[in-house]
N, C-alpha and C. Protein backbone atom coordinates (compact mmCIF):
# COMPACT_ATOMS: atom_id res chain seq x y z
N MET A 1 21.22 7.80 2.66
CA MET A 1 20.39 6.71 2.21
C MET A 1 19.10 6.72 3.03
N TYR A 2 18.00 6.44 2.35
CA TYR A 2 16.70 6.33 3.00
C TYR A 2 16.17 4.90 2.85
N ASN A 3 15.58 4.39 3.91
CA ASN A 3 14.80 3.16 3.83
C ASN A 3 13.34 3.60 3.79
N VAL A 4 12.64 3.17 2.76
CA VAL A 4 11.27 3.60 2.56
C VAL A 4 10.35 2.39 2.51
N LYS A 5 9.24 2.48 3.25
CA LYS A 5 8.21 1.45 3.21
C LYS A 5 7.00 2.07 2.51
N VAL A 6 6.54 1.42 1.45
CA VAL A 6 5.39 1.92 0.69
C VAL A 6 4.23 0.94 0.88
N PHE A 7 3.09 1.48 1.28
CA PHE A 7 1.88 0.70 1.49
C PHE A 7 0.85 1.12 0.45
N VAL A 8 0.35 0.16 -0.32
CA VAL A 8 -0.61 0.44 -1.39
C VAL A 8 -1.90 -0.32 -1.10
N THR A 9 -3.02 0.39 -1.15
CA THR A 9 -4.32 -0.23 -0.93
C THR A 9 -5.30 0.23 -2.00
N LEU A 10 -6.31 -0.59 -2.24
CA LEU A 10 -7.36 -0.17 -3.15
C LEU A 10 -8.14 0.98 -2.52
N LYS A 11 -8.60 1.89 -3.35
CA LYS A 11 -9.44 2.97 -2.84
C LYS A 11 -10.71 2.36 -2.27
N LYS A 12 -11.29 3.03 -1.29
CA LYS A 12 -12.49 2.53 -0.63
C LYS A 12 -13.64 2.29 -1.62
N SER A 13 -13.66 3.07 -2.71
CA SER A 13 -14.75 2.94 -3.68
C SER A 13 -14.56 1.77 -4.64
N VAL A 14 -13.41 1.10 -4.59
CA VAL A 14 -13.11 -0.01 -5.48
C VAL A 14 -13.40 -1.33 -4.76
N LEU A 15 -14.15 -2.20 -5.40
CA LEU A 15 -14.44 -3.52 -4.83
C LEU A 15 -13.16 -4.32 -4.69
N ASP A 16 -13.07 -5.11 -3.64
CA ASP A 16 -11.89 -5.92 -3.36
C ASP A 16 -12.31 -7.39 -3.25
N PRO A 17 -12.45 -8.09 -4.39
CA PRO A 17 -12.91 -9.48 -4.34
C PRO A 17 -11.97 -10.40 -3.57
N GLN A 18 -10.67 -10.13 -3.61
CA GLN A 18 -9.72 -10.96 -2.86
C GLN A 18 -9.93 -10.76 -1.36
N GLY A 19 -10.13 -9.53 -0.94
CA GLY A 19 -10.42 -9.24 0.46
C GLY A 19 -11.72 -9.88 0.91
N THR A 20 -12.73 -9.85 0.04
CA THR A 20 -14.02 -10.46 0.36
C THR A 20 -13.87 -11.98 0.54
N ALA A 21 -13.06 -12.60 -0.32
CA ALA A 21 -12.84 -14.05 -0.21
C ALA A 21 -12.12 -14.39 1.09
N VAL A 22 -11.11 -13.60 1.45
CA VAL A 22 -10.38 -13.84 2.69
C VAL A 22 -11.31 -13.65 3.88
N MET A 23 -12.14 -12.62 3.85
CA MET A 23 -13.07 -12.38 4.94
C MET A 23 -14.04 -13.56 5.09
N GLY A 24 -14.54 -14.07 3.97
CA GLY A 24 -15.43 -15.23 4.03
C GLY A 24 -14.75 -16.43 4.64
N SER A 25 -13.50 -16.64 4.29
CA SER A 25 -12.74 -17.77 4.85
C SER A 25 -12.52 -17.59 6.35
N LEU A 26 -12.19 -16.38 6.76
CA LEU A 26 -12.00 -16.13 8.19
C LEU A 26 -13.29 -16.38 8.97
N LYS A 27 -14.40 -15.93 8.42
CA LYS A 27 -15.69 -16.15 9.09
C LYS A 27 -16.00 -17.64 9.17
N SER A 28 -15.69 -18.39 8.10
CA SER A 28 -15.95 -19.83 8.13
C SER A 28 -15.05 -20.56 9.13
N LEU A 29 -13.95 -19.94 9.50
CA LEU A 29 -13.06 -20.49 10.52
C LEU A 29 -13.39 -19.95 11.92
N ASN A 30 -14.58 -19.36 12.02
CA ASN A 30 -15.10 -18.84 13.29
C ASN A 30 -14.37 -17.62 13.83
N TYR A 31 -13.86 -16.78 12.93
CA TYR A 31 -13.31 -15.48 13.31
C TYR A 31 -14.33 -14.41 12.99
N GLY A 32 -15.46 -14.46 13.68
CA GLY A 32 -16.56 -13.54 13.44
C GLY A 32 -16.25 -12.10 13.81
N GLU A 33 -15.17 -11.87 14.54
CA GLU A 33 -14.79 -10.51 14.92
C GLU A 33 -14.36 -9.67 13.72
N VAL A 34 -13.92 -10.34 12.67
CA VAL A 34 -13.42 -9.62 11.49
C VAL A 34 -14.60 -9.01 10.75
N GLU A 35 -14.57 -7.70 10.59
CA GLU A 35 -15.67 -7.00 9.94
C GLU A 35 -15.37 -6.63 8.49
N ASP A 36 -14.08 -6.52 8.14
CA ASP A 36 -13.74 -6.17 6.76
C ASP A 36 -12.29 -6.56 6.51
N VAL A 37 -11.98 -6.91 5.28
CA VAL A 37 -10.62 -7.23 4.86
C VAL A 37 -10.35 -6.52 3.55
N ARG A 38 -9.24 -5.82 3.48
CA ARG A 38 -8.79 -5.18 2.24
C ARG A 38 -7.37 -5.68 1.99
N ILE A 39 -7.12 -6.15 0.80
CA ILE A 39 -5.81 -6.68 0.43
C ILE A 39 -5.02 -5.57 -0.27
N GLY A 40 -3.74 -5.48 0.03
CA GLY A 40 -2.91 -4.45 -0.58
C GLY A 40 -1.53 -4.98 -0.92
N LYS A 41 -0.62 -4.04 -1.18
CA LYS A 41 0.76 -4.37 -1.52
C LYS A 41 1.68 -3.63 -0.55
N TYR A 42 2.84 -4.20 -0.33
CA TYR A 42 3.85 -3.60 0.53
C TYR A 42 5.18 -3.68 -0.19
N MET A 43 5.92 -2.58 -0.22
CA MET A 43 7.23 -2.55 -0.87
C MET A 43 8.24 -1.87 0.03
N GLU A 44 9.48 -2.33 -0.02
CA GLU A 44 10.58 -1.67 0.68
C GLU A 44 11.56 -1.19 -0.37
N LEU A 45 11.94 0.07 -0.26
CA LEU A 45 12.89 0.68 -1.19
C LEU A 45 14.06 1.25 -0.42
N GLN A 46 15.23 1.19 -1.00
CA GLN A 46 16.37 1.93 -0.49
C GLN A 46 16.66 3.01 -1.52
N VAL A 47 16.61 4.25 -1.08
CA VAL A 47 16.75 5.39 -1.99
C VAL A 47 17.93 6.23 -1.55
N ALA A 48 18.85 6.48 -2.47
CA ALA A 48 20.01 7.31 -2.17
C ALA A 48 19.59 8.76 -2.00
N LYS A 49 20.27 9.44 -1.11
CA LYS A 49 20.01 10.87 -0.93
C LYS A 49 20.44 11.62 -2.17
N SER A 50 19.70 12.66 -2.51
CA SER A 50 20.05 13.50 -3.65
C SER A 50 19.59 14.92 -3.35
N ASP A 51 19.77 15.79 -4.31
CA ASP A 51 19.35 17.19 -4.15
C ASP A 51 17.83 17.32 -4.22
N ARG A 52 17.17 16.31 -4.76
CA ARG A 52 15.71 16.37 -4.91
C ARG A 52 15.03 16.06 -3.57
N ASP A 53 13.87 16.63 -3.37
CA ASP A 53 13.07 16.37 -2.17
C ASP A 53 12.60 14.92 -2.19
N ILE A 54 12.88 14.18 -1.12
CA ILE A 54 12.54 12.75 -1.09
C ILE A 54 11.03 12.52 -1.24
N HIS A 55 10.21 13.41 -0.68
CA HIS A 55 8.76 13.25 -0.80
C HIS A 55 8.31 13.43 -2.25
N ALA A 56 8.89 14.38 -2.93
CA ALA A 56 8.54 14.60 -4.34
C ALA A 56 8.97 13.40 -5.19
N VAL A 57 10.13 12.86 -4.90
CA VAL A 57 10.63 11.68 -5.64
C VAL A 57 9.71 10.50 -5.42
N LEU A 58 9.34 10.24 -4.16
CA LEU A 58 8.47 9.09 -3.86
C LEU A 58 7.08 9.26 -4.46
N ASP A 59 6.52 10.47 -4.37
CA ASP A 59 5.21 10.70 -4.98
C ASP A 59 5.26 10.45 -6.49
N GLU A 60 6.33 10.90 -7.12
CA GLU A 60 6.48 10.69 -8.56
C GLU A 60 6.58 9.20 -8.90
N MET A 61 7.39 8.46 -8.13
CA MET A 61 7.54 7.02 -8.36
C MET A 61 6.20 6.30 -8.19
N CYS A 62 5.48 6.66 -7.13
CA CYS A 62 4.20 6.00 -6.87
C CYS A 62 3.19 6.32 -7.95
N ASP A 63 3.13 7.57 -8.38
CA ASP A 63 2.16 7.96 -9.40
C ASP A 63 2.48 7.39 -10.78
N LYS A 64 3.77 7.24 -11.09
CA LYS A 64 4.15 6.79 -12.43
C LYS A 64 4.27 5.27 -12.57
N LEU A 65 4.65 4.57 -11.47
CA LEU A 65 4.96 3.16 -11.64
C LEU A 65 4.41 2.25 -10.54
N LEU A 66 4.58 2.62 -9.29
CA LEU A 66 4.30 1.69 -8.20
C LEU A 66 2.82 1.49 -7.91
N THR A 67 1.98 2.44 -8.32
CA THR A 67 0.55 2.31 -8.06
C THR A 67 -0.25 2.66 -9.30
N ASN A 68 -1.51 2.31 -9.27
CA ASN A 68 -2.47 2.76 -10.27
C ASN A 68 -3.31 3.83 -9.58
N PRO A 69 -3.01 5.12 -9.83
CA PRO A 69 -3.68 6.20 -9.11
C PRO A 69 -5.19 6.23 -9.29
N VAL A 70 -5.70 5.59 -10.32
CA VAL A 70 -7.15 5.56 -10.54
C VAL A 70 -7.81 4.65 -9.51
N MET A 71 -7.15 3.55 -9.16
CA MET A 71 -7.76 2.53 -8.29
C MET A 71 -7.12 2.42 -6.91
N GLU A 72 -5.91 2.93 -6.75
CA GLU A 72 -5.17 2.67 -5.52
C GLU A 72 -4.74 3.96 -4.81
N ASP A 73 -4.67 3.85 -3.50
CA ASP A 73 -4.09 4.89 -2.65
C ASP A 73 -2.76 4.37 -2.14
N TYR A 74 -1.91 5.28 -1.71
CA TYR A 74 -0.64 4.85 -1.13
C TYR A 74 -0.25 5.79 0.00
N ARG A 75 0.63 5.26 0.83
CA ARG A 75 1.29 6.05 1.86
C ARG A 75 2.66 5.45 2.03
N TYR A 76 3.56 6.20 2.58
CA TYR A 76 4.90 5.68 2.79
C TYR A 76 5.48 6.20 4.09
N GLU A 77 6.46 5.46 4.59
CA GLU A 77 7.22 5.82 5.77
C GLU A 77 8.68 5.91 5.36
N ILE A 78 9.33 6.97 5.77
CA ILE A 78 10.72 7.21 5.41
C ILE A 78 11.57 7.15 6.69
N GLU A 79 12.69 6.42 6.58
CA GLU A 79 13.61 6.31 7.69
C GLU A 79 15.03 6.52 7.14
N GLU A 80 15.78 7.37 7.79
CA GLU A 80 17.18 7.55 7.34
C GLU A 80 18.00 6.35 7.76
N ALA A 81 18.78 5.85 6.81
CA ALA A 81 19.61 4.67 7.09
C ALA A 81 20.94 5.11 7.70
């Protein structure tokens, strides 16, 4: 069994209005140290071991369902359970 953490973020070239709004709010609360905010998604998956390569399986899942490859980037961390 694998425990997988998937992190999804908008590509740098894609505007992030939600991140911009959060950054504006932080600045209005006197957190001027914040220079940029990007909002993303986080998912935890439990994946059973199989004959298939876990990296190939995760890339396929991310490309087909978990992300929009046109607008989003992803990375994942795999831990054996």
